[in-house]
Amino acid sequence: MTTHPLIHEPELRHRWAWFLALGIVTVILGTIALFMIPIATVAAVLVLGWLMVFGGLVEAIHAFRVHGWRGTSLHLIAGILGILIGLMIATHPVAGALVWTLLFACFFTVIGAFRIVTGWRLKFRRWGWTVFDGVVTLALGVMLAVDWPWSGFWFLGLALGISMLLRGWSYIMFSLAVRSFPSTLEMPRAA
């Protein structure tokens, strides 16, 4: 009989209800995001913009903290660009959504094509799944690019809602699995 590594976490079983609550709240928020996709898109872009501002501030502060180093100017430039681009995105979230969606379209197209070629050329065991992943990813990238700029109004909100639904559901399933762990572990007897 094998034991699961999580069983050896004695406090985890007692906290299953917190994981369940987190899962339920995340599912509810994901559902709300799916019913209000344009608002969820703008909210996601605002969060990304402010994260870029914060990251730029941290990098600029870091540049001043290591001022004797030859790479200081690169950190300072990156920090200033992060702050400026983050502020542009945070103050113009609709334009930011359009740009982010176009970047995702390019990314999915290139990554999908790469996965198709890699799977086809290497033909490792079960390579068809890699090609399938590549085809779906490439199709998503092309779909976003063809539908752009309109895809910019729905893609990020839809992705956020689906991600939150799946994450919440996985927390719920994890909490139920943790709840079913035995409350005490029997130690094997010495022979």
N, C-alpha and C. Protein backbone atom coordinates (compact mmCIF):
# COMPACT_ATOMS: atom_id res chain seq x y z
N MET A 1 0.84 -1.17 0.00
CA MET A 1 0.00 0.00 0.00
C MET A 1 0.89 1.25 0.00
N THR A 2 0.58 2.18 -0.87
CA THR A 2 1.36 3.42 -0.92
C THR A 2 0.58 4.52 -0.22
N THR A 3 1.32 5.46 0.34
CA THR A 3 0.68 6.60 0.98
C THR A 3 0.95 7.84 0.15
N HIS A 4 0.05 8.75 0.24
CA HIS A 4 0.19 10.01 -0.49
C HIS A 4 1.01 10.98 0.34
N PRO A 5 1.91 11.75 -0.29
CA PRO A 5 2.76 12.67 0.50
C PRO A 5 1.97 13.71 1.29
N LEU A 6 0.79 14.10 0.83
CA LEU A 6 0.01 15.10 1.56
C LEU A 6 -0.54 14.57 2.88
N ILE A 7 -0.64 13.24 3.00
CA ILE A 7 -1.15 12.66 4.25
C ILE A 7 -0.23 13.00 5.40
N HIS A 8 1.05 13.20 5.12
CA HIS A 8 2.01 13.47 6.18
C HIS A 8 2.00 14.92 6.64
N GLU A 9 1.08 15.72 6.13
CA GLU A 9 0.91 17.10 6.58
C GLU A 9 -0.25 17.12 7.57
N PRO A 10 0.04 17.01 8.87
CA PRO A 10 -1.05 16.85 9.86
C PRO A 10 -1.99 18.05 9.92
N GLU A 11 -1.50 19.25 9.68
CA GLU A 11 -2.35 20.43 9.77
C GLU A 11 -3.24 20.61 8.55
N LEU A 12 -2.89 19.98 7.44
CA LEU A 12 -3.62 20.19 6.20
C LEU A 12 -5.06 19.68 6.31
N ARG A 13 -5.26 18.55 6.94
CA ARG A 13 -6.61 17.99 7.05
C ARG A 13 -7.53 18.92 7.84
N HIS A 14 -6.99 19.62 8.81
CA HIS A 14 -7.80 20.50 9.65
C HIS A 14 -8.14 21.81 8.94
N ARG A 15 -7.52 22.06 7.82
CA ARG A 15 -7.76 23.32 7.10
C ARG A 15 -8.53 23.09 5.78
N TRP A 16 -9.16 21.95 5.64
CA TRP A 16 -9.86 21.65 4.39
C TRP A 16 -10.98 22.64 4.11
N ALA A 17 -11.63 23.14 5.15
CA ALA A 17 -12.75 24.07 4.96
C ALA A 17 -12.28 25.39 4.35
N TRP A 18 -11.05 25.82 4.66
CA TRP A 18 -10.52 27.05 4.07
C TRP A 18 -10.32 26.86 2.57
N PHE A 19 -9.81 25.71 2.17
CA PHE A 19 -9.65 25.44 0.74
C PHE A 19 -11.01 25.37 0.04
N LEU A 20 -12.00 24.78 0.73
CA LEU A 20 -13.34 24.72 0.17
C LEU A 20 -13.92 26.13 0.01
N ALA A 21 -13.78 26.97 1.01
CA ALA A 21 -14.28 28.35 0.93
C ALA A 21 -13.57 29.12 -0.18
N LEU A 22 -12.25 28.96 -0.27
CA LEU A 22 -11.49 29.62 -1.33
C LEU A 22 -11.98 29.16 -2.70
N GLY A 23 -12.23 27.87 -2.85
CA GLY A 23 -12.72 27.34 -4.12
C GLY A 23 -14.10 27.89 -4.47
N ILE A 24 -14.98 27.95 -3.50
CA ILE A 24 -16.34 28.44 -3.76
C ILE A 24 -16.30 29.92 -4.15
N VAL A 25 -15.52 30.72 -3.43
CA VAL A 25 -15.41 32.15 -3.74
C VAL A 25 -14.81 32.34 -5.14
N THR A 26 -13.78 31.56 -5.46
CA THR A 26 -13.13 31.68 -6.77
C THR A 26 -14.08 31.28 -7.89
N VAL A 27 -14.88 30.23 -7.68
CA VAL A 27 -15.88 29.84 -8.69
C VAL A 27 -16.92 30.94 -8.88
N ILE A 28 -17.36 31.53 -7.78
CA ILE A 28 -18.34 32.62 -7.88
C ILE A 28 -17.75 33.80 -8.65
N LEU A 29 -16.52 34.19 -8.32
CA LEU A 29 -15.88 35.31 -9.01
C LEU A 29 -15.65 34.98 -10.50
N GLY A 30 -15.28 33.74 -10.80
CA GLY A 30 -15.12 33.34 -12.19
C GLY A 30 -16.43 33.39 -12.96
N THR A 31 -17.50 32.99 -12.31
CA THR A 31 -18.82 33.05 -12.94
C THR A 31 -19.23 34.49 -13.20
N ILE A 32 -18.98 35.36 -12.22
CA ILE A 32 -19.28 36.78 -12.41
C ILE A 32 -18.47 37.33 -13.57
N ALA A 33 -17.19 36.96 -13.65
CA ALA A 33 -16.34 37.42 -14.75
C ALA A 33 -16.88 36.97 -16.10
N LEU A 34 -17.42 35.76 -16.17
CA LEU A 34 -17.97 35.26 -17.44
C LEU A 34 -19.25 35.97 -17.82
N PHE A 35 -20.00 36.44 -16.84
CA PHE A 35 -21.22 37.18 -17.15
C PHE A 35 -20.95 38.65 -17.46
N MET A 36 -19.77 39.12 -17.08
CA MET A 36 -19.41 40.52 -17.31
C MET A 36 -18.03 40.57 -17.98
N ILE A 37 -17.90 39.93 -19.12
CA ILE A 37 -16.61 39.76 -19.77
C ILE A 37 -15.91 41.08 -20.08
N PRO A 38 -16.58 42.09 -20.66
CA PRO A 38 -15.86 43.35 -20.92
C PRO A 38 -15.31 44.01 -19.65
N ILE A 39 -16.09 43.96 -18.57
CA ILE A 39 -15.62 44.55 -17.31
C ILE A 39 -14.46 43.74 -16.75
N ALA A 40 -14.53 42.41 -16.87
CA ALA A 40 -13.43 41.57 -16.41
C ALA A 40 -12.17 41.82 -17.23
N THR A 41 -12.34 42.09 -18.53
CA THR A 41 -11.20 42.41 -19.37
C THR A 41 -10.52 43.69 -18.89
N VAL A 42 -11.31 44.72 -18.66
CA VAL A 42 -10.75 45.99 -18.19
C VAL A 42 -10.10 45.80 -16.82
N ALA A 43 -10.73 45.04 -15.94
CA ALA A 43 -10.16 44.80 -14.61
C ALA A 43 -8.82 44.07 -14.72
N ALA A 44 -8.74 43.07 -15.58
CA ALA A 44 -7.48 42.34 -15.77
C ALA A 44 -6.39 43.26 -16.30
N VAL A 45 -6.74 44.12 -17.24
CA VAL A 45 -5.76 45.05 -17.80
C VAL A 45 -5.30 46.05 -16.75
N LEU A 46 -6.22 46.54 -15.93
CA LEU A 46 -5.84 47.46 -14.86
C LEU A 46 -4.86 46.81 -13.88
N VAL A 47 -5.13 45.57 -13.52
CA VAL A 47 -4.23 44.85 -12.61
C VAL A 47 -2.86 44.68 -13.27
N LEU A 48 -2.83 44.28 -14.53
CA LEU A 48 -1.55 44.12 -15.23
C LEU A 48 -0.80 45.45 -15.32
N GLY A 49 -1.51 46.52 -15.60
CA GLY A 49 -0.87 47.83 -15.69
C GLY A 49 -0.25 48.26 -14.37
N TRP A 50 -1.00 48.10 -13.29
CA TRP A 50 -0.46 48.51 -11.99
C TRP A 50 0.66 47.59 -11.53
N LEU A 51 0.61 46.31 -11.91
CA LEU A 51 1.73 45.41 -11.60
C LEU A 51 2.99 45.85 -12.34
N MET A 52 2.82 46.33 -13.58
CA MET A 52 3.98 46.84 -14.32
C MET A 52 4.54 48.10 -13.66
N VAL A 53 3.67 48.97 -13.18
CA VAL A 53 4.13 50.17 -12.47
C VAL A 53 4.91 49.77 -11.23
N PHE A 54 4.35 48.86 -10.45
CA PHE A 54 5.01 48.41 -9.22
C PHE A 54 6.35 47.75 -9.55
N GLY A 55 6.38 46.89 -10.57
CA GLY A 55 7.63 46.24 -10.97
C GLY A 55 8.66 47.25 -11.44
N GLY A 56 8.22 48.27 -12.16
CA GLY A 56 9.13 49.32 -12.60
C GLY A 56 9.70 50.10 -11.43
N LEU A 57 8.85 50.40 -10.44
CA LEU A 57 9.34 51.10 -9.25
C LEU A 57 10.39 50.27 -8.51
N VAL A 58 10.12 48.98 -8.36
CA VAL A 58 11.08 48.11 -7.68
C VAL A 58 12.40 48.07 -8.44
N GLU A 59 12.33 47.96 -9.76
CA GLU A 59 13.56 47.91 -10.54
C GLU A 59 14.32 49.23 -10.50
N ALA A 60 13.61 50.36 -10.52
CA ALA A 60 14.28 51.66 -10.43
C ALA A 60 14.94 51.83 -9.06
N ILE A 61 14.26 51.41 -8.01
CA ILE A 61 14.85 51.49 -6.66
C ILE A 61 16.09 50.59 -6.60
N HIS A 62 15.99 49.42 -7.20
CA HIS A 62 17.12 48.50 -7.24
C HIS A 62 18.31 49.14 -7.96
N ALA A 63 18.03 49.87 -9.03
CA ALA A 63 19.10 50.53 -9.79
C ALA A 63 19.85 51.52 -8.91
N PHE A 64 19.13 52.24 -8.06
CA PHE A 64 19.80 53.20 -7.18
C PHE A 64 20.54 52.50 -6.03
N ARG A 65 20.06 51.33 -5.65
CA ARG A 65 20.70 50.59 -4.55
C ARG A 65 22.04 49.99 -4.97
N VAL A 66 22.20 49.68 -6.25
CA VAL A 66 23.45 49.09 -6.75
C VAL A 66 24.14 50.06 -7.70
N HIS A 67 24.21 51.32 -7.32
CA HIS A 67 24.65 52.39 -8.22
C HIS A 67 26.09 52.26 -8.72
N GLY A 68 26.94 51.49 -8.12
CA GLY A 68 28.32 51.38 -8.59
C GLY A 68 28.51 50.31 -9.66
N TRP A 69 27.49 49.57 -9.97
CA TRP A 69 27.57 48.44 -10.89
C TRP A 69 27.41 48.93 -12.32
N ARG A 70 28.03 48.24 -13.29
CA ARG A 70 27.96 48.66 -14.69
C ARG A 70 26.57 48.50 -15.28
N GLY A 71 25.75 47.62 -14.75
CA GLY A 71 24.40 47.40 -15.28
C GLY A 71 23.35 48.31 -14.67
N THR A 72 23.76 49.27 -13.88
CA THR A 72 22.81 50.17 -13.21
C THR A 72 21.92 50.90 -14.20
N SER A 73 22.51 51.41 -15.27
CA SER A 73 21.71 52.18 -16.24
C SER A 73 20.65 51.31 -16.91
N LEU A 74 20.96 50.03 -17.15
CA LEU A 74 19.96 49.14 -17.75
C LEU A 74 18.78 48.92 -16.81
N HIS A 75 19.07 48.75 -15.52
CA HIS A 75 17.99 48.59 -14.55
C HIS A 75 17.17 49.86 -14.44
N LEU A 76 17.83 51.00 -14.48
CA LEU A 76 17.12 52.27 -14.39
C LEU A 76 16.22 52.49 -15.60
N ILE A 77 16.74 52.20 -16.79
CA ILE A 77 15.94 52.35 -18.02
C ILE A 77 14.75 51.39 -18.00
N ALA A 78 15.00 50.14 -17.61
CA ALA A 78 13.90 49.16 -17.54
C ALA A 78 12.86 49.57 -16.52
N GLY A 79 13.31 50.11 -15.38
CA GLY A 79 12.37 50.57 -14.36
C GLY A 79 11.53 51.72 -14.84
N ILE A 80 12.16 52.70 -15.50
CA ILE A 80 11.41 53.85 -16.01
C ILE A 80 10.43 53.43 -17.09
N LEU A 81 10.86 52.54 -18.00
CA LEU A 81 9.95 52.04 -19.04
C LEU A 81 8.78 51.26 -18.42
N GLY A 82 9.05 50.45 -17.42
CA GLY A 82 7.99 49.71 -16.75
C GLY A 82 6.97 50.64 -16.12
N ILE A 83 7.45 51.69 -15.48
CA ILE A 83 6.55 52.66 -14.86
C ILE A 83 5.71 53.37 -15.93
N LEU A 84 6.37 53.85 -16.99
CA LEU A 84 5.65 54.59 -18.03
C LEU A 84 4.64 53.71 -18.77
N ILE A 85 5.07 52.53 -19.18
CA ILE A 85 4.15 51.64 -19.91
C ILE A 85 3.02 51.19 -18.99
N GLY A 86 3.34 50.88 -17.74
CA GLY A 86 2.30 50.49 -16.79
C GLY A 86 1.28 51.59 -16.57
N LEU A 87 1.77 52.84 -16.46
CA LEU A 87 0.84 53.96 -16.31
C LEU A 87 -0.01 54.17 -17.56
N MET A 88 0.60 54.00 -18.74
CA MET A 88 -0.19 54.11 -19.98
C MET A 88 -1.29 53.06 -20.03
N ILE A 89 -0.96 51.83 -19.63
CA ILE A 89 -1.95 50.75 -19.64
C ILE A 89 -3.02 51.00 -18.58
N ALA A 90 -2.60 51.42 -17.38
CA ALA A 90 -3.56 51.64 -16.30
C ALA A 90 -4.48 52.82 -16.57
N THR A 91 -3.98 53.83 -17.29
CA THR A 91 -4.83 55.00 -17.56
C THR A 91 -5.64 54.85 -18.85
N HIS A 92 -5.28 53.91 -19.69
CA HIS A 92 -6.02 53.63 -20.94
C HIS A 92 -6.26 52.12 -21.05
N PRO A 93 -7.14 51.59 -20.19
CA PRO A 93 -7.29 50.12 -20.13
C PRO A 93 -7.86 49.50 -21.40
N VAL A 94 -8.70 50.20 -22.13
CA VAL A 94 -9.25 49.62 -23.36
C VAL A 94 -8.15 49.47 -24.40
N ALA A 95 -7.33 50.51 -24.57
CA ALA A 95 -6.20 50.40 -25.49
C ALA A 95 -5.24 49.32 -25.01
N GLY A 96 -5.04 49.23 -23.69
CA GLY A 96 -4.19 48.18 -23.14
C GLY A 96 -4.73 46.79 -23.45
N ALA A 97 -6.06 46.63 -23.37
CA ALA A 97 -6.67 45.33 -23.68
C ALA A 97 -6.43 44.97 -25.14
N LEU A 98 -6.54 45.96 -26.02
CA LEU A 98 -6.29 45.70 -27.44
C LEU A 98 -4.84 45.27 -27.68
N VAL A 99 -3.92 45.95 -27.03
CA VAL A 99 -2.50 45.62 -27.20
C VAL A 99 -2.19 44.25 -26.62
N TRP A 100 -2.67 43.98 -25.40
CA TRP A 100 -2.41 42.68 -24.78
C TRP A 100 -2.99 41.56 -25.64
N THR A 101 -4.18 41.75 -26.18
CA THR A 101 -4.80 40.71 -27.00
C THR A 101 -3.99 40.47 -28.27
N LEU A 102 -3.50 41.54 -28.89
CA LEU A 102 -2.67 41.38 -30.08
C LEU A 102 -1.37 40.65 -29.74
N LEU A 103 -0.79 40.95 -28.59
CA LEU A 103 0.41 40.23 -28.15
C LEU A 103 0.12 38.75 -27.92
N PHE A 104 -1.01 38.45 -27.29
CA PHE A 104 -1.39 37.05 -27.09
C PHE A 104 -1.62 36.35 -28.43
N ALA A 105 -2.25 37.04 -29.37
CA ALA A 105 -2.48 36.46 -30.69
C ALA A 105 -1.15 36.09 -31.35
N CYS A 106 -0.19 36.98 -31.29
CA CYS A 106 1.13 36.70 -31.86
C CYS A 106 1.80 35.55 -31.13
N PHE A 107 1.75 35.58 -29.82
CA PHE A 107 2.36 34.52 -29.01
C PHE A 107 1.76 33.16 -29.32
N PHE A 108 0.43 33.06 -29.32
CA PHE A 108 -0.23 31.78 -29.58
C PHE A 108 0.07 31.28 -31.00
N THR A 109 0.13 32.18 -31.95
CA THR A 109 0.40 31.78 -33.33
C THR A 109 1.81 31.20 -33.45
N VAL A 110 2.78 31.89 -32.90
CA VAL A 110 4.16 31.42 -33.00
C VAL A 110 4.36 30.13 -32.20
N ILE A 111 3.87 30.08 -30.97
CA ILE A 111 4.03 28.89 -30.13
C ILE A 111 3.29 27.70 -30.73
N GLY A 112 2.09 27.93 -31.26
CA GLY A 112 1.35 26.84 -31.89
C GLY A 112 2.09 26.27 -33.08
N ALA A 113 2.60 27.13 -33.94
CA ALA A 113 3.36 26.66 -35.10
C ALA A 113 4.60 25.91 -34.65
N PHE A 114 5.29 26.42 -33.65
CA PHE A 114 6.48 25.76 -33.14
C PHE A 114 6.16 24.36 -32.60
N ARG A 115 5.05 24.22 -31.87
CA ARG A 115 4.67 22.90 -31.32
C ARG A 115 4.31 21.93 -32.43
N ILE A 116 3.64 22.41 -33.46
CA ILE A 116 3.30 21.53 -34.58
C ILE A 116 4.57 21.02 -35.24
N VAL A 117 5.47 21.91 -35.56
CA VAL A 117 6.72 21.52 -36.23
C VAL A 117 7.55 20.61 -35.33
N THR A 118 7.66 20.94 -34.06
CA THR A 118 8.45 20.13 -33.13
C THR A 118 7.89 18.72 -33.01
N GLY A 119 6.59 18.62 -32.80
CA GLY A 119 5.98 17.29 -32.68
C GLY A 119 6.12 16.49 -33.96
N TRP A 120 5.91 17.13 -35.09
CA TRP A 120 5.98 16.47 -36.39
C TRP A 120 7.40 16.01 -36.70
N ARG A 121 8.38 16.85 -36.40
CA ARG A 121 9.78 16.54 -36.73
C ARG A 121 10.38 15.50 -35.78
N LEU A 122 10.11 15.62 -34.47
CA LEU A 122 10.75 14.73 -33.50
C LEU A 122 10.04 13.39 -33.39
N LYS A 123 8.76 13.36 -33.57
CA LYS A 123 7.94 12.15 -33.51
C LYS A 123 8.29 11.25 -32.32
N PHE A 124 8.35 11.89 -31.16
CA PHE A 124 8.57 11.13 -29.94
C PHE A 124 7.30 10.38 -29.58
N ARG A 125 7.34 9.60 -28.53
CA ARG A 125 6.18 8.79 -28.15
C ARG A 125 4.98 9.70 -27.87
N ARG A 126 3.86 9.40 -28.48
CA ARG A 126 2.60 10.15 -28.37
C ARG A 126 2.76 11.60 -28.86
N TRP A 127 3.50 11.77 -29.91
CA TRP A 127 3.76 13.10 -30.47
C TRP A 127 2.51 13.74 -31.03
N GLY A 128 1.49 12.97 -31.31
CA GLY A 128 0.25 13.52 -31.84
C GLY A 128 -0.40 14.52 -30.89
N TRP A 129 -0.23 14.31 -29.58
CA TRP A 129 -0.80 15.24 -28.61
C TRP A 129 -0.12 16.59 -28.68
N THR A 130 1.17 16.59 -28.94
CA THR A 130 1.89 17.86 -29.09
C THR A 130 1.41 18.59 -30.34
N VAL A 131 1.22 17.84 -31.42
CA VAL A 131 0.71 18.45 -32.65
C VAL A 131 -0.71 18.97 -32.43
N PHE A 132 -1.54 18.21 -31.73
CA PHE A 132 -2.90 18.65 -31.43
C PHE A 132 -2.88 19.94 -30.61
N ASP A 133 -2.02 19.98 -29.57
CA ASP A 133 -1.87 21.18 -28.77
C ASP A 133 -1.45 22.35 -29.65
N GLY A 134 -0.52 22.11 -30.55
CA GLY A 134 -0.06 23.16 -31.45
C GLY A 134 -1.15 23.66 -32.37
N VAL A 135 -1.96 22.74 -32.89
CA VAL A 135 -3.05 23.13 -33.80
C VAL A 135 -4.07 24.00 -33.06
N VAL A 136 -4.44 23.58 -31.85
CA VAL A 136 -5.42 24.35 -31.07
C VAL A 136 -4.85 25.72 -30.71
N THR A 137 -3.57 25.76 -30.29
CA THR A 137 -2.94 27.03 -29.92
C THR A 137 -2.82 27.94 -31.13
N LEU A 138 -2.40 27.39 -32.26
CA LEU A 138 -2.29 28.17 -33.49
C LEU A 138 -3.66 28.70 -33.91
N ALA A 139 -4.68 27.86 -33.83
CA ALA A 139 -6.04 28.29 -34.20
C ALA A 139 -6.51 29.42 -33.30
N LEU A 140 -6.21 29.33 -32.00
CA LEU A 140 -6.60 30.41 -31.08
C LEU A 140 -5.89 31.71 -31.45
N GLY A 141 -4.60 31.62 -31.76
CA GLY A 141 -3.86 32.81 -32.16
C GLY A 141 -4.40 33.44 -33.42
N VAL A 142 -4.70 32.60 -34.42
CA VAL A 142 -5.24 33.12 -35.68
C VAL A 142 -6.63 33.71 -35.45
N MET A 143 -7.45 33.04 -34.63
CA MET A 143 -8.80 33.54 -34.33
C MET A 143 -8.73 34.92 -33.66
N LEU A 144 -7.83 35.07 -32.70
CA LEU A 144 -7.69 36.36 -32.03
C LEU A 144 -7.20 37.43 -32.98
N ALA A 145 -6.27 37.09 -33.86
CA ALA A 145 -5.73 38.07 -34.81
C ALA A 145 -6.77 38.47 -35.85
N VAL A 146 -7.53 37.50 -36.35
CA VAL A 146 -8.54 37.79 -37.37
C VAL A 146 -9.66 38.64 -36.78
N ASP A 147 -10.03 38.35 -35.55
CA ASP A 147 -11.14 39.07 -34.90
C ASP A 147 -10.69 40.37 -34.25
N TRP A 148 -9.38 40.66 -34.28
CA TRP A 148 -8.87 41.88 -33.65
C TRP A 148 -9.33 43.09 -34.42
N PRO A 149 -9.75 44.16 -33.87
CA PRO A 149 -9.62 44.58 -32.47
C PRO A 149 -10.77 44.13 -31.57
N TRP A 150 -11.83 43.52 -32.16
CA TRP A 150 -12.98 43.15 -31.33
C TRP A 150 -12.64 42.08 -30.30
N SER A 151 -11.68 41.22 -30.63
CA SER A 151 -11.28 40.20 -29.66
C SER A 151 -10.65 40.82 -28.41
N GLY A 152 -10.16 42.04 -28.54
CA GLY A 152 -9.57 42.72 -27.39
C GLY A 152 -10.57 43.05 -26.30
N PHE A 153 -11.85 43.08 -26.66
CA PHE A 153 -12.87 43.40 -25.67
C PHE A 153 -13.36 42.18 -24.89
N TRP A 154 -13.11 40.98 -25.42
CA TRP A 154 -13.64 39.80 -24.74
C TRP A 154 -12.60 38.78 -24.33
N PHE A 155 -11.44 38.73 -24.99
CA PHE A 155 -10.51 37.62 -24.76
C PHE A 155 -9.99 37.56 -23.33
N LEU A 156 -9.43 38.65 -22.82
CA LEU A 156 -8.84 38.61 -21.48
C LEU A 156 -9.88 38.32 -20.40
N GLY A 157 -11.07 38.89 -20.53
CA GLY A 157 -12.13 38.62 -19.56
C GLY A 157 -12.59 37.17 -19.60
N LEU A 158 -12.71 36.63 -20.82
CA LEU A 158 -13.09 35.22 -20.95
C LEU A 158 -12.02 34.31 -20.37
N ALA A 159 -10.75 34.58 -20.69
CA ALA A 159 -9.66 33.77 -20.17
C ALA A 159 -9.60 33.84 -18.65
N LEU A 160 -9.80 35.04 -18.10
CA LEU A 160 -9.80 35.22 -16.65
C LEU A 160 -10.94 34.44 -16.01
N GLY A 161 -12.14 34.54 -16.57
CA GLY A 161 -13.29 33.82 -16.01
C GLY A 161 -13.11 32.32 -16.04
N ILE A 162 -12.65 31.79 -17.17
CA ILE A 162 -12.44 30.35 -17.28
C ILE A 162 -11.35 29.89 -16.32
N SER A 163 -10.27 30.66 -16.24
CA SER A 163 -9.18 30.30 -15.34
C SER A 163 -9.65 30.29 -13.89
N MET A 164 -10.44 31.28 -13.50
CA MET A 164 -10.93 31.32 -12.12
C MET A 164 -11.90 30.17 -11.85
N LEU A 165 -12.75 29.84 -12.81
CA LEU A 165 -13.65 28.70 -12.62
C LEU A 165 -12.88 27.40 -12.42
N LEU A 166 -11.90 27.16 -13.28
CA LEU A 166 -11.12 25.93 -13.17
C LEU A 166 -10.29 25.90 -11.89
N ARG A 167 -9.69 27.02 -11.54
CA ARG A 167 -8.89 27.07 -10.31
C ARG A 167 -9.78 26.86 -9.09
N GLY A 168 -10.95 27.49 -9.06
CA GLY A 168 -11.87 27.31 -7.95
C GLY A 168 -12.34 25.87 -7.83
N TRP A 169 -12.67 25.26 -8.96
CA TRP A 169 -13.11 23.87 -8.93
C TRP A 169 -11.99 22.96 -8.44
N SER A 170 -10.74 23.24 -8.83
CA SER A 170 -9.64 22.40 -8.36
C SER A 170 -9.43 22.59 -6.85
N TYR A 171 -9.64 23.80 -6.32
CA TYR A 171 -9.56 24.00 -4.87
C TYR A 171 -10.66 23.21 -4.16
N ILE A 172 -11.85 23.21 -4.72
CA ILE A 172 -12.95 22.45 -4.11
C ILE A 172 -12.62 20.96 -4.08
N MET A 173 -12.14 20.43 -5.19
CA MET A 173 -11.79 19.01 -5.24
C MET A 173 -10.63 18.69 -4.30
N PHE A 174 -9.65 19.60 -4.21
CA PHE A 174 -8.53 19.41 -3.29
C PHE A 174 -9.01 19.39 -1.85
N SER A 175 -9.93 20.29 -1.51
CA SER A 175 -10.43 20.33 -0.13
C SER A 175 -11.16 19.04 0.23
N LEU A 176 -11.93 18.51 -0.71
CA LEU A 176 -12.65 17.25 -0.44
C LEU A 176 -11.68 16.09 -0.31
N ALA A 177 -10.61 16.11 -1.09
CA ALA A 177 -9.60 15.04 -0.99
C ALA A 177 -8.88 15.13 0.35
N VAL A 178 -8.52 16.34 0.76
CA VAL A 178 -7.82 16.52 2.03
C VAL A 178 -8.72 16.13 3.19
N ARG A 179 -9.99 16.43 3.08
CA ARG A 179 -10.95 16.10 4.15
C ARG A 179 -11.05 14.58 4.35
N SER A 180 -10.85 13.82 3.28
CA SER A 180 -10.98 12.37 3.37
C SER A 180 -9.72 11.69 3.89
N PHE A 181 -8.63 12.44 4.11
CA PHE A 181 -7.42 11.83 4.67
C PHE A 181 -7.71 11.33 6.08
N PRO A 182 -7.03 10.27 6.51
CA PRO A 182 -7.23 9.81 7.89
C PRO A 182 -6.73 10.87 8.88
N SER A 183 -7.42 10.94 10.03
CA SER A 183 -7.06 11.97 11.01
C SER A 183 -5.78 11.62 11.75
N THR A 184 -5.48 10.36 11.91
CA THR A 184 -4.22 9.95 12.55
C THR A 184 -3.57 8.92 11.67
N LEU A 185 -2.29 8.91 11.71
CA LEU A 185 -1.52 7.93 10.93
C LEU A 185 -1.06 6.82 11.83
N GLU A 186 -1.22 5.61 11.36
CA GLU A 186 -0.72 4.48 12.11
C GLU A 186 0.73 4.26 11.74
N MET A 187 1.56 4.19 12.75
CA MET A 187 2.98 3.96 12.51
C MET A 187 3.19 2.46 12.31
N PRO A 188 4.02 2.08 11.35
CA PRO A 188 4.29 0.65 11.16
C PRO A 188 5.01 0.07 12.37
N ARG A 189 4.64 -1.13 12.69
CA ARG A 189 5.24 -1.80 13.84
C ARG A 189 6.59 -2.38 13.45
N ALA A 190 7.52 -2.29 14.41
CA ALA A 190 8.85 -2.86 14.16
C ALA A 190 8.77 -4.37 14.25
N ALA A 191 9.46 -5.04 13.37
CA ALA A 191 9.40 -6.50 13.36
C ALA A 191 10.45 -7.11 14.22
